[in-house]
Amino acid sequence: MFRTRVTALAAATALLLTACGTTESTTEPTPAGSAAGGPVTVTDSRGKEVKLDNPATKVVALEWGEAEMLVSLGVMPVGVADPKGYATWVTAAGLDAGVKDVGTRGEPSVDSIVALQPDLVVMEDGRGANLVTQLENYVPVVVTKGSDAADNLGRMRADLNMIAQAVGKTAEAEKLLADFDAAIAEGKQKIANAGAAGKPFAIADGWKEGSTVSIRMFGQGALVSQIGIQLGLTNAWQGKTDEEWGLGQTDVEGLTGLKSPDLHFFYNASDGTDVFADGLADNAIWKSLPFVQQGNLHRMPDGIWTFGGPLSGKQYLDQLVNTFAV
């Protein structure tokens, strides 16, 4: 589940924030060749030119956000890291039953990937230079940025467009983004018409170890938070977050700053472990929070991936609009 990101961050910061990263500007793909066929060249997040004789059709994805983007573009990956986990956390773009498991997201199997004889591997930055080097001995690799709290919506667009260029699906990417933009505009208008513009929200997930509940907050730069902000809402979480994912960590006491009676608190528990409803049911501080007392606590439908592409983003968007524009 999401603990892969939590573990990575714990090693990177004494503040227990998830993820670690960079604030470098997102690299746009370099158009070359024809979307219909023939040579293609893209410049990935490393600034490296990746050249393909033809748009890739046999693709392995080592992160769920990129796997979702491929499926939404009409390219079913031949292999995905942890497809079982994907099925739990990502419902926006389902995988075919024949998609092969190539290991975990944290430790994919080079042997399993190479055995599929793909013509492209798509992976996120930060998964390790050694893995990239090993894979590039056998297959071209495109590295996406994956996240950038300075502009996560712009980063998502750039990653999608880069993948689309590599697989010859630029028209499909254009339509996906146009539909997403239209949904944002329509949702923003609905929220404004309901008199909810500027209303506060917070988004979180959490986990429990023993009797301790840890809460991961999605700050201003997190992808799903930026969607809410684009809708005209206000992210109420002002705590410290990391520069790549826009995520921060707190405990129940840390939520006492969320004082507005109008605040709606959204959370994800797709793996079935609901630490908010179950782990905090008897916690006096939790029960005293205004959004709990007002009934403004919302468990999101299972399988809406918080680090996905336009289709997962639209699922989050719909939940926010359905809550505030009533």
Protein backbone atom coordinates (compact mmCIF):
# COMPACT_ATOMS: atom_id res chain seq x y z
CA MET A 1 0.00 0.00 0.00
CA PHE A 2 1.12 3.56 0.55
CA ARG A 3 3.76 2.55 3.13
CA THR A 4 6.35 2.25 0.34
CA ARG A 5 6.35 6.05 0.16
CA VAL A 6 6.27 6.38 3.95
CA THR A 7 9.33 4.16 4.34
CA ALA A 8 11.24 6.06 1.71
CA LEU A 9 10.57 9.32 3.46
CA ALA A 10 11.37 8.12 6.95
CA ALA A 11 14.91 7.51 5.80
CA ALA A 12 15.10 10.95 4.23
CA THR A 13 13.82 13.28 6.95
CA ALA A 14 13.90 13.51 10.71
CA LEU A 15 10.43 15.01 10.57
CA LEU A 16 8.98 11.70 9.36
CA LEU A 17 7.63 13.27 6.19
CA THR A 18 6.99 10.89 3.33
CA ALA A 19 9.03 10.96 0.14
CA CYS A 20 12.06 12.98 -0.78
CA GLY A 21 12.67 14.85 -3.97
CA THR A 22 13.58 17.84 -5.97
CA THR A 23 11.98 21.11 -7.01
CA GLU A 24 13.55 21.16 -10.45
CA SER A 25 11.11 22.23 -13.15
CA THR A 26 9.30 19.48 -15.03
CA THR A 27 10.93 18.41 -18.27
CA GLU A 28 8.57 18.53 -21.23
CA PRO A 29 8.80 15.79 -23.84
CA THR A 30 10.63 16.60 -27.04
CA PRO A 31 8.37 15.82 -29.99
CA ALA A 32 9.99 13.84 -32.75
CA GLY A 33 8.89 11.35 -35.34
CA SER A 34 5.29 10.39 -36.02
CA ALA A 35 2.60 9.32 -33.57
CA ALA A 36 1.40 6.77 -36.10
CA GLY A 37 4.75 5.05 -36.56
CA GLY A 38 8.39 5.56 -37.29
CA PRO A 39 11.17 6.82 -35.03
CA VAL A 40 10.26 8.58 -31.79
CA THR A 41 12.49 10.56 -29.45
CA VAL A 42 11.47 11.85 -26.03
CA THR A 43 13.50 13.69 -23.41
CA ASP A 44 12.67 12.27 -20.00
CA SER A 45 12.93 13.72 -16.49
CA ARG A 46 16.67 13.01 -16.42
CA GLY A 47 17.15 15.24 -19.43
CA LYS A 48 18.09 12.12 -21.39
CA GLU A 49 16.97 11.54 -24.96
CA VAL A 50 15.32 8.15 -25.34
CA LYS A 51 15.11 7.01 -28.95
CA LEU A 52 12.73 4.34 -30.21
CA ASP A 53 12.52 2.92 -33.73
CA ASN A 54 8.73 2.98 -33.43
CA PRO A 55 6.18 3.98 -30.79
CA ALA A 56 6.35 1.40 -28.00
CA THR A 57 3.60 -1.22 -27.82
CA LYS A 58 5.03 -3.70 -25.27
CA VAL A 59 5.51 -1.58 -22.18
CA VAL A 60 6.33 -2.42 -18.56
CA ALA A 61 5.28 0.09 -15.88
CA LEU A 62 7.05 0.09 -12.51
CA GLU A 63 4.74 2.56 -10.77
CA TRP A 64 0.95 2.62 -10.57
CA GLY A 65 0.47 6.20 -11.72
CA GLU A 66 2.34 5.48 -14.94
CA ALA A 67 0.48 2.17 -15.39
CA GLU A 68 -2.81 4.05 -15.08
CA MET A 69 -1.66 6.60 -17.65
CA LEU A 70 -0.74 3.85 -20.12
CA VAL A 71 -4.10 2.13 -19.77
CA SER A 72 -5.96 5.42 -20.10
CA LEU A 73 -4.05 6.08 -23.32
CA GLY A 74 -5.16 2.72 -24.71
CA VAL A 75 -1.89 0.84 -24.13
CA MET A 76 -2.26 -2.17 -21.82
CA PRO A 77 1.11 -2.83 -20.14
CA VAL A 78 2.57 -6.30 -20.55
CA GLY A 79 3.96 -6.08 -17.02
CA VAL A 80 3.32 -3.99 -13.91
CA ALA A 81 4.96 -3.89 -10.50
CA ASP A 82 2.50 -5.38 -7.98
CA PRO A 83 -0.65 -5.62 -10.12
CA LYS A 84 -2.56 -7.05 -7.15
CA GLY A 85 -1.89 -3.88 -5.19
CA TYR A 86 -2.82 -1.85 -8.24
CA ALA A 87 -6.20 -3.56 -8.35
CA THR A 88 -6.77 -2.57 -4.71
CA TRP A 89 -5.75 1.06 -4.96
CA VAL A 90 -6.48 2.02 -8.59
CA THR A 91 -9.92 1.62 -10.16
CA ALA A 92 -9.80 4.41 -12.74
CA ALA A 93 -8.13 2.21 -15.38
CA GLY A 94 -8.23 -1.54 -14.80
CA LEU A 95 -5.52 -3.98 -15.84
CA ASP A 96 -6.20 -7.02 -17.99
CA ALA A 97 -5.90 -10.39 -16.27
CA GLY A 98 -2.91 -11.26 -18.42
CA VAL A 99 -0.70 -8.43 -17.21
CA LYS A 100 2.38 -9.98 -15.61
CA ASP A 101 3.65 -9.27 -12.11
CA VAL A 102 7.26 -8.01 -12.29
CA GLY A 103 7.86 -7.69 -8.55
CA THR A 104 7.20 -4.97 -6.02
CA ARG A 105 7.24 -1.27 -6.72
CA GLY A 106 10.17 -0.88 -4.35
CA GLU A 107 12.12 -3.85 -5.74
CA PRO A 108 11.03 -4.86 -9.23
CA SER A 109 12.65 -7.93 -10.76
CA VAL A 110 14.95 -7.14 -13.67
CA ASP A 111 14.80 -10.79 -14.77
CA SER A 112 10.99 -10.76 -14.84
CA ILE A 113 10.96 -7.51 -16.81
CA VAL A 114 13.51 -8.66 -19.38
CA ALA A 115 11.72 -12.00 -19.82
CA LEU A 116 8.70 -10.12 -21.21
CA GLN A 117 10.88 -8.67 -23.99
CA PRO A 118 9.32 -5.21 -23.73
CA ASP A 119 10.25 -2.40 -26.08
CA LEU A 120 9.97 0.18 -23.28
CA VAL A 121 10.05 0.40 -19.47
CA VAL A 122 8.39 3.39 -17.78
CA MET A 123 9.45 4.17 -14.22
CA GLU A 124 9.54 7.08 -11.80
CA ASP A 125 12.51 9.15 -10.78
CA GLY A 126 13.93 8.15 -7.41
CA ARG A 127 13.72 4.39 -7.91
CA GLY A 128 17.49 4.14 -8.13
CA ALA A 129 20.18 4.73 -10.73
CA ASN A 130 21.36 1.12 -10.42
CA LEU A 131 17.97 -0.19 -11.53
CA VAL A 132 17.91 2.15 -14.52
CA THR A 133 21.43 1.11 -15.51
CA GLN A 134 20.58 -2.59 -15.28
CA LEU A 135 17.43 -2.21 -17.35
CA GLU A 136 19.07 -0.08 -20.00
CA ASN A 137 21.37 -2.97 -20.81
CA TYR A 138 18.30 -4.68 -22.28
CA VAL A 139 15.53 -2.17 -23.02
CA PRO A 140 14.94 1.58 -23.40
CA VAL A 141 13.80 3.25 -20.19
CA VAL A 142 11.75 6.44 -19.84
CA VAL A 143 11.89 8.02 -16.38
CA THR A 144 8.99 10.24 -15.34
CA LYS A 145 9.20 12.81 -12.60
CA GLY A 146 6.34 11.20 -10.69
CA SER A 147 5.64 14.16 -8.41
CA ASP A 148 6.62 17.79 -7.87
CA ALA A 149 4.94 19.75 -5.10
CA ALA A 150 5.85 23.01 -6.83
CA ASP A 151 3.39 22.21 -9.64
CA ASN A 152 1.97 18.71 -9.46
CA LEU A 153 -0.79 19.29 -11.99
CA GLY A 154 1.73 20.63 -14.51
CA ARG A 155 4.00 17.70 -13.72
CA MET A 156 1.16 15.22 -14.26
CA ARG A 157 0.46 16.75 -17.66
CA ALA A 158 4.12 16.61 -18.65
CA ASP A 159 4.49 12.97 -17.55
CA LEU A 160 1.34 11.98 -19.44
CA ASN A 161 2.42 13.79 -22.59
CA MET A 162 5.88 12.24 -22.44
CA ILE A 163 4.48 8.72 -22.09
CA ALA A 164 1.96 9.43 -24.86
CA GLN A 165 4.75 10.53 -27.18
CA ALA A 166 6.68 7.34 -26.48
CA VAL A 167 3.70 5.09 -27.24
CA GLY A 168 2.27 7.09 -30.15
CA LYS A 169 -0.86 8.24 -28.33
CA THR A 170 -0.57 12.03 -28.33
CA ALA A 171 -4.13 12.57 -29.56
CA GLU A 172 -5.45 10.39 -26.74
CA ALA A 173 -3.43 12.37 -24.20
CA GLU A 174 -4.80 15.63 -25.56
CA LYS A 175 -8.37 14.38 -25.13
CA LEU A 176 -7.72 13.05 -21.61
CA LEU A 177 -6.37 16.43 -20.52
CA ALA A 178 -9.14 18.35 -22.28
CA ASP A 179 -11.76 16.22 -20.50
CA PHE A 180 -9.97 16.75 -17.19
CA ASP A 181 -9.84 20.51 -17.70
CA ALA A 182 -13.52 20.57 -18.59
CA ALA A 183 -14.36 18.64 -15.42
CA ILE A 184 -12.35 21.12 -13.34
CA ALA A 185 -14.14 24.07 -14.92
CA GLU A 186 -17.57 22.49 -14.50
CA GLY A 187 -16.85 21.46 -10.91
CA LYS A 188 -15.55 24.91 -10.00
CA GLN A 189 -18.72 26.48 -11.33
CA LYS A 190 -20.92 24.06 -9.39
CA ILE A 191 -19.04 24.81 -6.17
CA ALA A 192 -19.31 28.55 -6.76
CA ASN A 193 -23.03 28.25 -7.53
CA ALA A 194 -23.48 26.41 -4.21
CA GLY A 195 -21.79 29.27 -2.35
CA ALA A 196 -18.91 27.00 -1.33
CA ALA A 197 -16.01 28.78 -3.04
CA GLY A 198 -13.13 29.13 -0.59
CA LYS A 199 -14.49 26.51 1.80
CA PRO A 200 -11.78 24.50 3.62
CA PHE A 201 -10.90 20.87 3.07
CA ALA A 202 -8.23 18.46 4.28
CA ILE A 203 -7.09 15.13 2.81
CA ALA A 204 -5.25 12.39 4.67
CA ASP A 205 -4.53 8.73 5.03
CA GLY A 206 -3.11 6.89 8.00
CA TRP A 207 -1.83 3.72 9.58
CA LYS A 208 -1.68 2.15 13.02
CA GLU A 209 1.27 0.46 14.72
CA GLY A 210 0.33 -0.95 18.09
CA SER A 211 -1.78 1.69 19.74
CA THR A 212 -0.19 4.56 17.82
CA VAL A 213 -2.05 6.13 14.89
CA SER A 214 0.05 8.11 12.43
CA ILE A 215 -1.63 10.44 9.97
CA ARG A 216 -0.26 11.50 6.60
CA MET A 217 -1.57 14.87 5.46
CA PHE A 218 -1.78 16.02 1.87
CA GLY A 219 -0.45 19.58 1.83
CA GLN A 220 -0.78 22.41 -0.68
CA GLY A 221 1.51 20.78 -3.24
CA ALA A 222 0.05 17.26 -3.21
CA LEU A 223 -1.64 16.31 -6.47
CA VAL A 224 -5.12 15.78 -5.03
CA SER A 225 -4.84 18.96 -2.96
CA GLN A 226 -4.02 20.95 -6.08
CA ILE A 227 -7.16 19.55 -7.68
CA GLY A 228 -9.21 20.86 -4.76
CA ILE A 229 -7.54 24.24 -4.99
CA GLN A 230 -8.28 24.40 -8.73
CA LEU A 231 -11.93 23.83 -7.85
CA GLY A 232 -11.86 27.02 -5.79
CA LEU A 233 -11.56 25.34 -2.39
CA THR A 234 -8.94 25.99 0.31
CA ASN A 235 -6.59 23.35 1.69
CA ALA A 236 -6.66 23.94 5.43
CA TRP A 237 -3.53 21.94 6.24
CA GLN A 238 -0.66 24.37 6.88
CA GLY A 239 1.82 21.93 8.42
CA LYS A 240 5.28 21.21 7.04
CA THR A 241 5.43 19.02 3.94
CA ASP A 242 8.14 17.64 1.68
CA GLU A 243 9.09 19.30 -1.59
CA GLU A 244 8.37 16.37 -3.91
CA TRP A 245 5.06 14.86 -2.83
CA GLY A 246 3.63 17.70 -0.74
CA LEU A 247 3.03 15.29 2.14
CA GLY A 248 3.47 15.71 5.87
CA GLN A 249 3.01 13.58 8.95
CA THR A 250 1.18 14.32 12.17
CA ASP A 251 -0.80 12.67 14.96
CA VAL A 252 -4.28 13.27 16.36
CA GLU A 253 -3.11 16.21 18.46
CA GLY A 254 -1.75 17.81 15.29
CA LEU A 255 -5.26 17.94 13.83
CA THR A 256 -6.53 20.31 16.49
CA GLY A 257 -5.51 23.23 14.28
CA LEU A 258 -8.32 22.29 11.87
CA LYS A 259 -10.89 24.38 13.69
CA SER A 260 -13.35 25.51 11.03
CA PRO A 261 -16.85 24.02 11.41
CA ASP A 262 -17.14 24.18 7.60
CA LEU A 263 -14.10 21.96 7.00
CA HIS A 264 -14.61 18.60 5.29
CA PHE A 265 -11.98 15.94 5.99
CA PHE A 266 -11.41 13.27 3.31
CA TYR A 267 -9.39 10.10 3.70
CA ASN A 268 -8.46 6.93 1.83
CA ALA A 269 -8.57 3.42 3.28
CA SER A 270 -8.65 1.24 0.17
CA ASP A 271 -6.81 -1.64 1.85
CA GLY A 272 -9.66 -2.03 4.34
CA THR A 273 -7.75 -0.69 7.35
CA ASP A 274 -9.75 2.33 8.51
CA VAL A 275 -7.65 3.91 11.24
CA PHE A 276 -9.94 6.94 11.46
CA ALA A 277 -13.25 5.17 12.02
CA ASP A 278 -11.78 2.24 13.96
CA GLY A 279 -8.42 3.22 15.42
CA LEU A 280 -9.63 6.60 16.73
CA ALA A 281 -13.21 5.72 17.65
CA ASP A 282 -12.54 6.09 21.38
CA ASN A 283 -10.01 8.91 21.18
CA ALA A 284 -11.27 11.96 23.06
CA ILE A 285 -9.23 14.45 21.02
CA TRP A 286 -10.48 12.95 17.77
CA LYS A 287 -14.10 13.06 18.92
CA SER A 288 -13.69 16.74 19.87
CA LEU A 289 -12.58 17.85 16.40
CA PRO A 290 -15.18 20.07 14.67
CA PHE A 291 -15.25 18.09 11.42
CA VAL A 292 -15.90 14.90 13.37
CA GLN A 293 -18.65 16.48 15.47
CA GLN A 294 -20.25 18.07 12.39
CA GLY A 295 -20.27 14.78 10.48
CA ASN A 296 -17.91 16.21 7.86
CA LEU A 297 -15.70 13.12 7.80
CA HIS A 298 -15.60 11.34 4.43
CA ARG A 299 -14.04 7.99 3.64
CA MET A 300 -13.36 8.11 -0.09
CA PRO A 301 -14.59 5.20 -2.23
CA ASP A 302 -11.97 2.45 -2.35
CA GLY A 303 -9.60 2.46 -5.27
CA ILE A 304 -9.11 6.17 -5.95
CA TRP A 305 -5.35 6.52 -6.35
CA THR A 306 -3.98 9.72 -4.87
CA PHE A 307 -0.87 9.69 -7.08
CA GLY A 308 -2.46 8.87 -10.42
CA GLY A 309 -3.24 10.46 -13.76
CA PRO A 310 -6.22 12.41 -15.11
CA LEU A 311 -8.71 9.57 -14.59
CA SER A 312 -7.89 9.09 -10.89
CA GLY A 313 -7.78 12.87 -10.57
CA LYS A 314 -11.29 13.12 -11.94
CA GLN A 315 -12.47 10.55 -9.40
CA TYR A 316 -11.13 12.75 -6.59
CA LEU A 317 -12.58 15.82 -8.26
CA ASP A 318 -16.03 14.23 -8.37
CA GLN A 319 -15.91 13.40 -4.65
CA LEU A 320 -15.03 16.99 -3.75
CA VAL A 321 -17.71 18.44 -6.00
CA ASN A 322 -20.36 16.03 -4.74
CA THR A 323 -19.55 17.06 -1.16
CA PHE A 324 -19.36 20.84 -1.52
CA ALA A 325 -21.86 21.49 -4.33
CA VAL A 326 -24.97 20.19 -2.56
